[in-house]
Amino acid sequence: ALLGGTVFDLLVLEEGIKAAIALAVRPPRGRAERALSDAFRGRSLRHTSDAWRLHLQRLAGERPSRR
């Protein structure tokens, strides 16, 4: 819950404000994982997780690390 806002921030940056609003107000179809995948146009949760971690590093002012 603490970092949930950063997921919405990433969603706004990548998919726009309408996608973030839709995720916030539309009941998920099934599991939360499905709702996140749908919000990011069907991309894998692994890819979204990696993008989110990079986004957190940028927000913290850190230089993104390479895996």
N, C-alpha and C. Protein backbone atom coordinates (compact mmCIF):
# COMPACT_ATOMS: atom_id res chain seq x y z
N ALA A 1 0.82 -1.20 0.00
CA ALA A 1 0.00 0.00 0.00
C ALA A 1 0.87 1.26 0.00
N LEU A 2 1.98 1.19 0.70
CA LEU A 2 2.85 2.36 0.82
C LEU A 2 3.38 2.81 -0.54
N LEU A 3 3.74 1.88 -1.39
CA LEU A 3 4.32 2.22 -2.69
C LEU A 3 3.30 2.19 -3.83
N GLY A 4 2.05 1.95 -3.51
CA GLY A 4 1.01 1.85 -4.54
C GLY A 4 0.89 3.09 -5.42
N GLY A 5 1.10 4.24 -4.82
CA GLY A 5 1.02 5.48 -5.60
C GLY A 5 2.06 5.55 -6.69
N THR A 6 3.21 4.91 -6.46
CA THR A 6 4.25 4.93 -7.47
C THR A 6 3.88 4.05 -8.68
N VAL A 7 3.06 3.04 -8.44
CA VAL A 7 2.56 2.23 -9.56
C VAL A 7 1.63 3.08 -10.42
N PHE A 8 0.76 3.85 -9.78
CA PHE A 8 -0.13 4.73 -10.52
C PHE A 8 0.66 5.83 -11.24
N ASP A 9 1.71 6.33 -10.61
CA ASP A 9 2.56 7.33 -11.24
C ASP A 9 3.19 6.76 -12.52
N LEU A 10 3.70 5.55 -12.43
CA LEU A 10 4.28 4.89 -13.61
C LEU A 10 3.23 4.68 -14.68
N LEU A 11 2.05 4.28 -14.27
CA LEU A 11 0.96 4.06 -15.23
C LEU A 11 0.60 5.35 -15.95
N VAL A 12 0.55 6.45 -15.23
CA VAL A 12 0.26 7.76 -15.86
C VAL A 12 1.35 8.09 -16.87
N LEU A 13 2.60 7.89 -16.49
CA LEU A 13 3.71 8.21 -17.40
C LEU A 13 3.68 7.36 -18.67
N GLU A 14 3.36 6.08 -18.52
CA GLU A 14 3.45 5.17 -19.65
C GLU A 14 2.17 5.04 -20.46
N GLU A 15 1.03 5.11 -19.79
CA GLU A 15 -0.24 4.84 -20.48
C GLU A 15 -1.23 6.00 -20.44
N GLY A 16 -0.95 6.99 -19.59
CA GLY A 16 -1.81 8.16 -19.51
C GLY A 16 -2.74 8.15 -18.31
N ILE A 17 -3.27 9.32 -18.04
CA ILE A 17 -4.13 9.51 -16.87
C ILE A 17 -5.40 8.68 -16.94
N LYS A 18 -5.95 8.50 -18.13
CA LYS A 18 -7.19 7.72 -18.27
C LYS A 18 -6.97 6.27 -17.84
N ALA A 19 -5.81 5.71 -18.14
CA ALA A 19 -5.52 4.33 -17.74
C ALA A 19 -5.43 4.23 -16.22
N ALA A 20 -4.84 5.23 -15.59
CA ALA A 20 -4.72 5.22 -14.13
C ALA A 20 -6.08 5.36 -13.46
N ILE A 21 -6.90 6.23 -14.00
CA ILE A 21 -8.26 6.40 -13.45
C ILE A 21 -9.06 5.11 -13.62
N ALA A 22 -8.95 4.50 -14.79
CA ALA A 22 -9.68 3.25 -15.04
C ALA A 22 -9.26 2.17 -14.05
N LEU A 23 -7.97 2.05 -13.78
CA LEU A 23 -7.50 1.04 -12.83
C LEU A 23 -8.03 1.34 -11.43
N ALA A 24 -8.09 2.62 -11.08
CA ALA A 24 -8.52 3.01 -9.74
C ALA A 24 -10.02 2.79 -9.51
N VAL A 25 -10.83 2.99 -10.54
CA VAL A 25 -12.28 2.95 -10.33
C VAL A 25 -12.97 1.70 -10.86
N ARG A 26 -12.32 0.98 -11.75
CA ARG A 26 -12.95 -0.21 -12.32
C ARG A 26 -12.61 -1.43 -11.47
N PRO A 27 -13.61 -2.20 -11.09
CA PRO A 27 -13.30 -3.42 -10.34
C PRO A 27 -12.45 -4.36 -11.20
N PRO A 28 -11.42 -4.97 -10.61
CA PRO A 28 -10.58 -5.87 -11.40
C PRO A 28 -11.36 -7.10 -11.86
N ARG A 29 -11.04 -7.55 -13.07
CA ARG A 29 -11.64 -8.79 -13.58
C ARG A 29 -10.75 -9.92 -13.09
N GLY A 30 -11.14 -10.52 -12.00
CA GLY A 30 -10.33 -11.60 -11.46
C GLY A 30 -9.29 -11.08 -10.49
N ARG A 31 -8.07 -11.51 -10.68
CA ARG A 31 -6.99 -11.20 -9.75
C ARG A 31 -6.36 -9.84 -10.02
N ALA A 32 -5.68 -9.31 -9.01
CA ALA A 32 -5.01 -8.01 -9.13
C ALA A 32 -3.93 -8.06 -10.21
N GLU A 33 -3.27 -9.20 -10.34
CA GLU A 33 -2.23 -9.34 -11.37
C GLU A 33 -2.81 -9.10 -12.76
N ARG A 34 -4.00 -9.60 -12.98
CA ARG A 34 -4.67 -9.42 -14.28
C ARG A 34 -5.00 -7.95 -14.51
N ALA A 35 -5.47 -7.28 -13.46
CA ALA A 35 -5.81 -5.86 -13.59
C ALA A 35 -4.57 -5.04 -13.94
N LEU A 36 -3.44 -5.35 -13.32
CA LEU A 36 -2.20 -4.63 -13.63
C LEU A 36 -1.74 -4.92 -15.05
N SER A 37 -1.80 -6.16 -15.44
CA SER A 37 -1.40 -6.53 -16.80
C SER A 37 -2.28 -5.81 -17.82
N ASP A 38 -3.58 -5.81 -17.57
CA ASP A 38 -4.51 -5.12 -18.48
C ASP A 38 -4.22 -3.62 -18.54
N ALA A 39 -3.93 -3.02 -17.38
CA ALA A 39 -3.67 -1.58 -17.33
C ALA A 39 -2.45 -1.19 -18.14
N PHE A 40 -1.45 -2.07 -18.16
CA PHE A 40 -0.22 -1.82 -18.93
C PHE A 40 -0.28 -2.54 -20.29
N ARG A 41 -1.46 -2.54 -20.88
CA ARG A 41 -1.70 -3.10 -22.22
C ARG A 41 -1.23 -4.54 -22.39
N GLY A 42 -1.41 -5.35 -21.35
CA GLY A 42 -1.16 -6.77 -21.46
C GLY A 42 0.28 -7.21 -21.30
N ARG A 43 1.18 -6.29 -20.98
CA ARG A 43 2.58 -6.71 -20.84
C ARG A 43 2.74 -7.55 -19.57
N SER A 44 3.81 -8.31 -19.53
CA SER A 44 4.04 -9.23 -18.41
C SER A 44 4.28 -8.46 -17.12
N LEU A 45 3.91 -9.09 -16.03
CA LEU A 45 4.15 -8.47 -14.72
C LEU A 45 5.64 -8.35 -14.45
N ARG A 46 6.42 -9.26 -14.97
CA ARG A 46 7.88 -9.19 -14.80
C ARG A 46 8.42 -7.91 -15.44
N HIS A 47 7.97 -7.60 -16.64
CA HIS A 47 8.41 -6.38 -17.32
C HIS A 47 7.94 -5.14 -16.56
N THR A 48 6.70 -5.16 -16.11
CA THR A 48 6.17 -4.03 -15.36
C THR A 48 6.92 -3.86 -14.04
N SER A 49 7.24 -4.97 -13.38
CA SER A 49 8.00 -4.91 -12.14
C SER A 49 9.37 -4.29 -12.36
N ASP A 50 10.04 -4.68 -13.42
CA ASP A 50 11.35 -4.10 -13.74
C ASP A 50 11.23 -2.60 -14.01
N ALA A 51 10.21 -2.21 -14.78
CA ALA A 51 10.00 -0.79 -15.09
C ALA A 51 9.69 -0.01 -13.82
N TRP A 52 8.91 -0.61 -12.93
CA TRP A 52 8.56 0.05 -11.68
C TRP A 52 9.79 0.25 -10.80
N ARG A 53 10.66 -0.74 -10.72
CA ARG A 53 11.88 -0.60 -9.92
C ARG A 53 12.79 0.51 -10.46
N LEU A 54 12.89 0.59 -11.77
CA LEU A 54 13.67 1.68 -12.37
C LEU A 54 13.02 3.03 -12.07
N HIS A 55 11.70 3.06 -12.11
CA HIS A 55 10.97 4.29 -11.81
C HIS A 55 11.23 4.72 -10.36
N LEU A 56 11.24 3.77 -9.43
CA LEU A 56 11.54 4.09 -8.03
C LEU A 56 12.95 4.66 -7.90
N GLN A 57 13.90 4.07 -8.61
CA GLN A 57 15.27 4.59 -8.56
C GLN A 57 15.34 6.01 -9.08
N ARG A 58 14.62 6.28 -10.16
CA ARG A 58 14.61 7.66 -10.70
C ARG A 58 13.98 8.62 -9.69
N LEU A 59 12.88 8.20 -9.07
CA LEU A 59 12.22 9.05 -8.09
C LEU A 59 13.13 9.34 -6.89
N ALA A 60 13.92 8.37 -6.53
CA ALA A 60 14.85 8.51 -5.39
C ALA A 60 16.12 9.27 -5.79
N GLY A 61 16.25 9.58 -7.07
CA GLY A 61 17.43 10.30 -7.52
C GLY A 61 18.65 9.43 -7.66
N GLU A 62 18.44 8.11 -7.71
CA GLU A 62 19.54 7.19 -7.86
C GLU A 62 19.78 6.89 -9.33
N ARG A 63 20.98 6.48 -9.59
CA ARG A 63 21.31 6.04 -10.93
C ARG A 63 20.83 4.59 -11.07
N PRO A 64 20.02 4.28 -12.10
CA PRO A 64 19.54 2.90 -12.26
C PRO A 64 20.68 1.91 -12.36
N SER A 65 20.54 0.80 -11.64
CA SER A 65 21.56 -0.25 -11.68
C SER A 65 21.26 -1.22 -12.81
N ARG A 66 22.29 -1.88 -13.28
CA ARG A 66 22.13 -2.89 -14.32
C ARG A 66 22.13 -4.25 -13.67
N ARG A 67 21.28 -5.14 -14.17
CA ARG A 67 21.21 -6.49 -13.62
C ARG A 67 22.07 -7.41 -14.40
